Amino acid sequence: MTILKTTYSRLICLFLAAVVLAGCSSTPEKEKLPESLTEAELYQMANQSLNNKNYSQSIERLRTLESRYPFGSFAEQAQLDLIYAYFMNVEPEASRAAADRFLRLHPQHPNADYAYYMKGLASNTAAMGLIERYLPLDNTKRDPGQARQSFNEFRELLTRYPDSKYAPDARQRMVALRNRLAEYEIHAANYYMKRKAYVAAVNRGKYVVENMQKTPAVEPALGVMVEGYQRLGLIEPANETLEVLKLNFPNSKLLNEQGEFIGYQSFGDVDPSLLYTVTFGLLGDSGIEKQKMQTPKAPEPPAQDEQ
């Protein structure tokens, strides 16, 4: 465990040093594109940059194309490509703004579902800072506002375009986001339990049980409720909740072999390690796997001949 923490601490230090050095590097000069370039030539250059994963260059070329040929035959495709390029360039706010603009200008476009899908992806990462984007942090302990917004935008996609080719992936992401929101409620309940605010803890657990069924957080939510009621001296609701726990989770780690409640154990002493302090307690044992599962991968933008 000590070796693992030391390794992570070194990685964090190296990462921060790289960020500082990158900040000190000179800003490249803006590309000067000849005025004689045709619309098709400009788009070909922008698309080449996109395919080469040079997203900053692609963004500049696409914006130039839009400014020079705002009503050209490539204008709509350039706007779609900009949504993708901003997202891949780790500019989620710009990606959302580009998607909103595209939908405002072309609400009935055949590829409007793509714009809604990209809005959902961008919202899920909009609140992340530089460190969160590149280190395996547990996002369930962060403010859930962006997760809720992302969930709602994927839901809007499914409502408007239930047969969209992006719908299956959006549904999977909604399940992951719902699990994340439920876990956030449990983290909040743990916070209140540590501070002996048992009524608030019980309310958080009750919210999960009543509104987030079929998420992994339901079992610990019932545990929070049982212990919270016990600490408040409310024996009858504690016993009723315990019966629900036994019925739905007979093999729960919160129960002993005789089926008796052994106490809710997830809240404990604060880890005083350097790693915990630097990462604000967000780097958990399963953080790497969670981050791999939640990292959004944008699809290729719709091709010109699909319009």
Protein backbone atom coordinates (compact mmCIF):
# COMPACT_ATOMS: atom_id res chain seq x y z
CA MET A 1 0.00 0.00 0.00
CA THR A 2 2.88 2.36 0.87
CA ILE A 3 4.55 1.62 -2.46
CA LEU A 4 1.30 2.33 -4.31
CA LYS A 5 0.84 5.68 -2.57
CA THR A 6 4.47 6.64 -3.20
CA THR A 7 4.09 5.79 -6.89
CA TYR A 8 0.94 7.88 -7.22
CA SER A 9 2.58 10.77 -5.37
CA ARG A 10 5.50 10.72 -7.79
CA LEU A 11 3.16 10.58 -10.77
CA ILE A 12 1.23 13.56 -9.47
CA CYS A 13 4.44 15.57 -8.94
CA LEU A 14 5.67 14.71 -12.45
CA PHE A 15 2.29 15.63 -13.91
CA LEU A 16 2.22 19.00 -12.15
CA ALA A 17 5.78 19.71 -13.29
CA ALA A 18 4.80 18.93 -16.88
CA VAL A 19 1.85 21.30 -16.60
CA VAL A 20 4.09 24.10 -15.38
CA LEU A 21 6.57 23.52 -18.20
CA ALA A 22 3.77 23.41 -20.75
CA GLY A 23 2.46 26.71 -19.42
CA CYS A 24 5.87 28.28 -19.92
CA SER A 25 6.15 27.16 -23.54
CA SER A 26 5.58 29.69 -26.29
CA THR A 27 2.22 29.93 -28.02
CA PRO A 28 2.41 28.89 -31.70
CA GLU A 29 1.63 31.55 -34.26
CA LYS A 30 -1.83 31.48 -35.80
CA GLU A 31 -1.84 29.83 -39.22
CA LYS A 32 -2.27 32.24 -42.14
CA LEU A 33 -4.39 30.66 -44.85
CA PRO A 34 -4.28 32.14 -48.39
CA GLU A 35 -7.38 34.09 -49.39
CA SER A 36 -7.35 32.25 -52.71
CA LEU A 37 -8.33 28.90 -51.15
CA THR A 38 -11.69 27.61 -52.29
CA GLU A 39 -14.31 26.33 -49.87
CA ALA A 40 -13.61 22.71 -50.86
CA GLU A 41 -9.85 23.18 -50.38
CA LEU A 42 -10.36 24.73 -46.95
CA TYR A 43 -12.62 21.90 -45.86
CA GLN A 44 -10.19 19.29 -47.17
CA MET A 45 -7.39 20.88 -45.12
CA ALA A 46 -9.56 21.04 -41.99
CA ASN A 47 -10.67 17.44 -42.44
CA GLN A 48 -7.07 16.33 -42.89
CA SER A 49 -6.13 18.00 -39.60
CA LEU A 50 -9.07 16.29 -37.94
CA ASN A 51 -8.02 12.88 -39.25
CA ASN A 52 -4.45 13.53 -38.07
CA LYS A 53 -5.81 14.38 -34.59
CA ASN A 54 -4.42 17.90 -34.82
CA TYR A 55 -7.59 19.30 -33.28
CA SER A 56 -6.37 22.84 -32.59
CA GLN A 57 -5.37 23.29 -36.21
CA SER A 58 -8.62 21.74 -37.39
CA ILE A 59 -10.61 24.16 -35.24
CA GLU A 60 -8.82 27.17 -36.72
CA ARG A 61 -9.36 25.92 -40.26
CA LEU A 62 -13.02 25.13 -39.70
CA ARG A 63 -13.64 28.54 -38.18
CA THR A 64 -11.89 30.16 -41.13
CA LEU A 65 -14.07 28.19 -43.52
CA GLU A 66 -17.21 29.29 -41.68
CA SER A 67 -16.20 32.94 -41.71
CA ARG A 68 -15.31 32.96 -45.40
CA TYR A 69 -18.16 30.78 -46.67
CA PRO A 70 -21.00 31.05 -44.10
CA PHE A 71 -23.62 29.85 -46.60
CA GLY A 72 -21.44 27.44 -48.57
CA SER A 73 -22.10 23.77 -49.22
CA PHE A 74 -19.63 22.73 -46.51
CA ALA A 75 -20.88 25.13 -43.82
CA GLU A 76 -23.18 22.68 -42.02
CA GLN A 77 -20.59 19.90 -42.04
CA ALA A 78 -17.97 22.32 -40.72
CA GLN A 79 -20.27 23.18 -37.81
CA LEU A 80 -20.69 19.49 -37.01
CA ASP A 81 -16.96 18.90 -37.22
CA LEU A 82 -16.34 21.83 -34.87
CA ILE A 83 -18.46 20.14 -32.17
CA TYR A 84 -16.27 17.06 -32.43
CA ALA A 85 -12.96 18.94 -32.71
CA TYR A 86 -13.66 21.06 -29.62
CA PHE A 87 -14.58 17.98 -27.62
CA MET A 88 -11.46 16.07 -28.65
CA ASN A 89 -9.36 19.17 -27.93
CA VAL A 90 -10.63 19.01 -24.32
CA GLU A 91 -12.82 22.09 -24.68
CA PRO A 92 -16.20 20.71 -23.52
CA GLU A 93 -17.79 24.12 -22.94
CA ALA A 94 -16.94 25.17 -26.50
CA SER A 95 -18.23 21.83 -27.78
CA ARG A 96 -21.58 22.35 -26.03
CA ALA A 97 -21.81 25.90 -27.35
CA ALA A 98 -21.09 24.68 -30.88
CA ALA A 99 -23.76 21.98 -30.54
CA ASP A 100 -26.31 24.49 -29.25
CA ARG A 101 -25.53 26.82 -32.14
CA PHE A 102 -25.91 24.02 -34.68
CA LEU A 103 -29.29 23.00 -33.23
CA ARG A 104 -30.46 26.61 -33.17
CA LEU A 105 -29.53 27.08 -36.83
CA HIS A 106 -30.61 23.64 -38.07
CA PRO A 107 -33.27 22.19 -35.72
CA GLN A 108 -34.55 19.76 -38.39
CA HIS A 109 -31.15 18.66 -39.69
CA PRO A 110 -30.76 14.91 -40.35
CA ASN A 111 -27.75 14.85 -38.00
CA ALA A 112 -29.30 16.87 -35.17
CA ASP A 113 -29.22 13.72 -33.04
CA TYR A 114 -25.42 13.83 -33.23
CA ALA A 115 -25.42 17.35 -31.77
CA TYR A 116 -27.65 16.26 -28.88
CA TYR A 117 -25.41 13.26 -28.24
CA MET A 118 -22.26 15.38 -28.17
CA LYS A 119 -23.91 17.82 -25.76
CA GLY A 120 -24.41 14.93 -23.35
CA LEU A 121 -20.78 13.86 -23.66
CA ALA A 122 -19.47 17.39 -23.23
CA SER A 123 -21.61 18.11 -20.17
CA ASN A 124 -20.24 15.03 -18.44
CA THR A 125 -16.70 16.46 -18.56
CA ALA A 126 -17.38 20.21 -18.44
CA ALA A 127 -16.78 20.57 -14.69
CA MET A 128 -13.54 18.58 -14.65
CA GLY A 129 -10.31 20.41 -14.03
CA LEU A 130 -6.98 19.61 -15.67
CA ILE A 131 -5.98 17.01 -13.06
CA GLU A 132 -9.35 15.23 -13.16
CA ARG A 133 -9.10 14.77 -16.92
CA TYR A 134 -5.81 12.85 -16.76
CA LEU A 135 -5.71 11.13 -13.36
CA PRO A 136 -7.97 8.24 -12.22
CA LEU A 137 -10.12 10.17 -9.76
CA ASP A 138 -13.44 9.07 -8.26
CA ASN A 139 -15.98 11.47 -9.76
CA THR A 140 -18.81 10.23 -7.53
CA LYS A 141 -17.45 12.49 -4.76
CA ARG A 142 -17.65 15.64 -6.88
CA ASP A 143 -20.60 17.98 -7.27
CA PRO A 144 -23.18 16.08 -9.37
CA GLY A 145 -24.54 19.07 -11.26
CA GLN A 146 -22.80 18.28 -14.57
CA ALA A 147 -23.71 14.59 -14.27
CA ARG A 148 -27.39 15.54 -13.91
CA GLN A 149 -27.16 17.88 -16.90
CA SER A 150 -25.50 15.17 -18.99
CA PHE A 151 -28.18 12.67 -17.95
CA ASN A 152 -30.95 15.10 -18.94
CA GLU A 153 -29.35 15.81 -22.31
CA PHE A 154 -29.02 12.11 -23.13
CA ARG A 155 -32.65 11.71 -22.08
CA GLU A 156 -33.63 14.51 -24.47
CA LEU A 157 -31.79 12.70 -27.26
CA LEU A 158 -33.73 9.50 -26.54
CA THR A 159 -37.02 11.38 -26.34
CA ARG A 160 -36.53 13.17 -29.65
CA TYR A 161 -34.68 10.42 -31.52
CA PRO A 162 -35.42 7.01 -29.94
CA ASP A 163 -34.15 5.22 -33.06
CA SER A 164 -30.94 7.23 -33.38
CA LYS A 165 -27.74 5.26 -33.94
CA TYR A 166 -26.40 7.04 -30.85
CA ALA A 167 -29.34 5.92 -28.67
CA PRO A 168 -27.86 2.58 -27.45
CA ASP A 169 -24.67 4.25 -26.26
CA ALA A 170 -26.65 7.10 -24.67
CA ARG A 171 -28.74 4.58 -22.71
CA GLN A 172 -25.61 2.90 -21.37
CA ARG A 173 -24.16 6.24 -20.35
CA MET A 174 -27.41 7.16 -18.60
CA VAL A 175 -27.16 3.97 -16.52
CA ALA A 176 -23.58 4.85 -15.55
CA LEU A 177 -24.57 8.45 -14.75
CA ARG A 178 -27.51 7.29 -12.63
CA ASN A 179 -25.20 4.98 -10.67
CA ARG A 180 -22.79 7.87 -10.21
CA LEU A 181 -25.54 10.16 -8.91
CA ALA A 182 -26.70 7.46 -6.49
CA GLU A 183 -23.15 6.97 -5.22
CA TYR A 184 -22.89 10.71 -4.63
CA GLU A 185 -25.93 10.49 -2.33
CA ILE A 186 -24.18 7.75 -0.34
CA HIS A 187 -21.03 9.85 0.00
CA ALA A 188 -23.20 12.70 1.28
CA ALA A 189 -24.90 10.31 3.72
CA ASN A 190 -21.48 9.18 4.98
CA TYR A 191 -20.55 12.82 5.56
CA TYR A 192 -23.65 13.37 7.68
CA MET A 193 -23.16 10.12 9.61
CA LYS A 194 -19.61 11.14 10.53
CA ARG A 195 -20.98 14.38 11.94
CA LYS A 196 -23.88 12.67 13.71
CA ALA A 197 -26.45 14.44 11.55
CA TYR A 198 -28.55 11.29 11.45
CA VAL A 199 -31.77 12.83 10.12
CA ALA A 200 -29.94 14.22 7.08
CA ALA A 201 -28.16 10.88 6.55
CA VAL A 202 -31.43 8.95 6.69
CA ASN A 203 -33.02 11.34 4.20
CA ARG A 204 -30.17 10.79 1.75
CA GLY A 205 -30.53 7.03 2.06
CA LYS A 206 -34.31 7.25 1.65
CA TYR A 207 -33.90 9.34 -1.51
CA VAL A 208 -31.74 6.62 -3.09
CA VAL A 209 -34.14 3.84 -2.12
CA GLU A 210 -37.20 5.70 -3.42
CA ASN A 211 -35.75 7.26 -6.58
CA MET A 212 -32.74 5.22 -7.67
CA GLN A 213 -33.86 1.62 -7.66
CA LYS A 214 -31.64 -0.98 -9.36
CA THR A 215 -28.46 0.97 -8.66
CA PRO A 216 -25.60 -0.53 -6.58
CA ALA A 217 -26.17 2.25 -4.02
CA VAL A 218 -29.50 0.84 -2.80
CA GLU A 219 -27.86 -1.69 -0.43
CA PRO A 220 -25.65 0.86 1.39
CA ALA A 221 -28.58 3.31 1.38
CA LEU A 222 -30.66 0.81 3.36
CA GLY A 223 -27.72 0.36 5.72
CA VAL A 224 -27.51 4.11 6.27
CA MET A 225 -31.22 4.21 7.04
CA VAL A 226 -31.08 1.31 9.53
CA GLU A 227 -28.16 2.77 11.46
CA GLY A 228 -29.51 6.31 11.27
CA TYR A 229 -32.87 5.23 12.68
CA GLN A 230 -31.11 3.24 15.42
CA ARG A 231 -28.97 6.20 16.42
CA LEU A 232 -32.12 8.34 16.58
CA GLY A 233 -33.83 5.76 18.79
CA LEU A 234 -36.53 5.07 16.18
CA ILE A 235 -36.72 1.30 16.64
CA GLU A 236 -39.80 0.55 14.54
CA PRO A 237 -38.65 2.20 11.28
CA ALA A 238 -35.17 0.77 11.88
CA ASN A 239 -36.59 -2.76 12.09
CA GLU A 240 -38.82 -2.23 9.06
CA THR A 241 -35.88 -1.02 6.97
CA LEU A 242 -33.78 -3.92 8.24
CA GLU A 243 -36.41 -6.37 6.98
CA VAL A 244 -36.29 -4.72 3.57
CA LEU A 245 -32.50 -5.07 3.59
CA LYS A 246 -32.71 -8.77 4.52
CA LEU A 247 -35.35 -9.48 1.88
CA ASN A 248 -33.54 -7.80 -0.98
CA PHE A 249 -29.91 -8.42 0.04
CA PRO A 250 -29.81 -11.64 2.11
CA ASN A 251 -26.04 -11.94 1.61
CA SER A 252 -25.31 -8.30 2.41
CA LYS A 253 -22.01 -7.50 4.09
CA LEU A 254 -24.06 -5.42 6.52
CA LEU A 255 -25.52 -8.63 7.99
CA ASN A 256 -23.82 -11.39 9.95
CA GLU A 257 -24.43 -15.10 9.40
CA GLN A 258 -27.52 -14.95 11.61
CA GLY A 259 -28.96 -12.13 9.52
CA GLU A 260 -28.38 -9.53 12.23
CA PHE A 261 -27.37 -5.98 11.37
CA ILE A 262 -23.71 -5.46 12.23
CA GLY A 263 -23.49 -1.73 11.57
CA TYR A 264 -22.76 0.45 8.61
CA GLN A 265 -18.98 0.52 8.28
CA SER A 266 -18.12 2.62 5.23
CA PHE A 267 -17.44 5.83 7.16
CA GLY A 268 -14.20 5.87 9.10
CA ASP A 269 -11.15 7.94 9.99
CA VAL A 270 -9.72 10.36 7.44
CA ASP A 271 -6.62 9.13 5.60
CA PRO A 272 -3.83 11.59 6.52
CA SER A 273 -1.51 10.50 3.68
CA LEU A 274 0.03 12.91 1.19
CA LEU A 275 -1.83 11.21 -1.66
CA TYR A 276 -5.18 11.73 0.05
CA THR A 277 -4.39 15.38 0.74
CA VAL A 278 -3.16 16.18 -2.78
CA THR A 279 -6.14 14.51 -4.46
CA PHE A 280 -8.72 15.72 -1.91
CA GLY A 281 -9.59 12.12 -1.10
CA LEU A 282 -10.86 11.45 -4.61
CA LEU A 283 -8.34 8.75 -5.57
CA GLY A 284 -9.87 5.44 -4.50
CA ASP A 285 -8.78 1.84 -4.95
CA SER A 286 -11.25 1.34 -7.79
CA GLY A 287 -10.78 4.80 -9.27
CA ILE A 288 -8.82 3.61 -12.28
CA GLU A 289 -11.48 1.15 -13.37
CA LYS A 290 -14.26 3.68 -12.82
CA GLN A 291 -12.46 6.28 -14.87
CA LYS A 292 -11.89 3.82 -17.71
CA MET A 293 -15.58 3.00 -17.71
CA GLN A 294 -16.73 6.63 -17.62
CA THR A 295 -14.29 8.23 -20.05
CA PRO A 296 -16.41 9.35 -23.04
CA LYS A 297 -15.24 8.42 -26.50
CA ALA A 298 -16.73 10.65 -29.17
CA PRO A 299 -17.85 9.10 -32.47
CA GLU A 300 -16.52 10.27 -35.80
CA PRO A 301 -18.52 13.24 -37.14
CA PRO A 302 -21.10 12.41 -39.81
CA ALA A 303 -19.56 12.30 -43.27
CA GLN A 304 -20.41 14.84 -45.95
CA ASP A 305 -22.32 12.31 -48.04
CA GLU A 306 -24.63 11.48 -45.10
CA GLN A 307 -26.25 14.90 -45.23
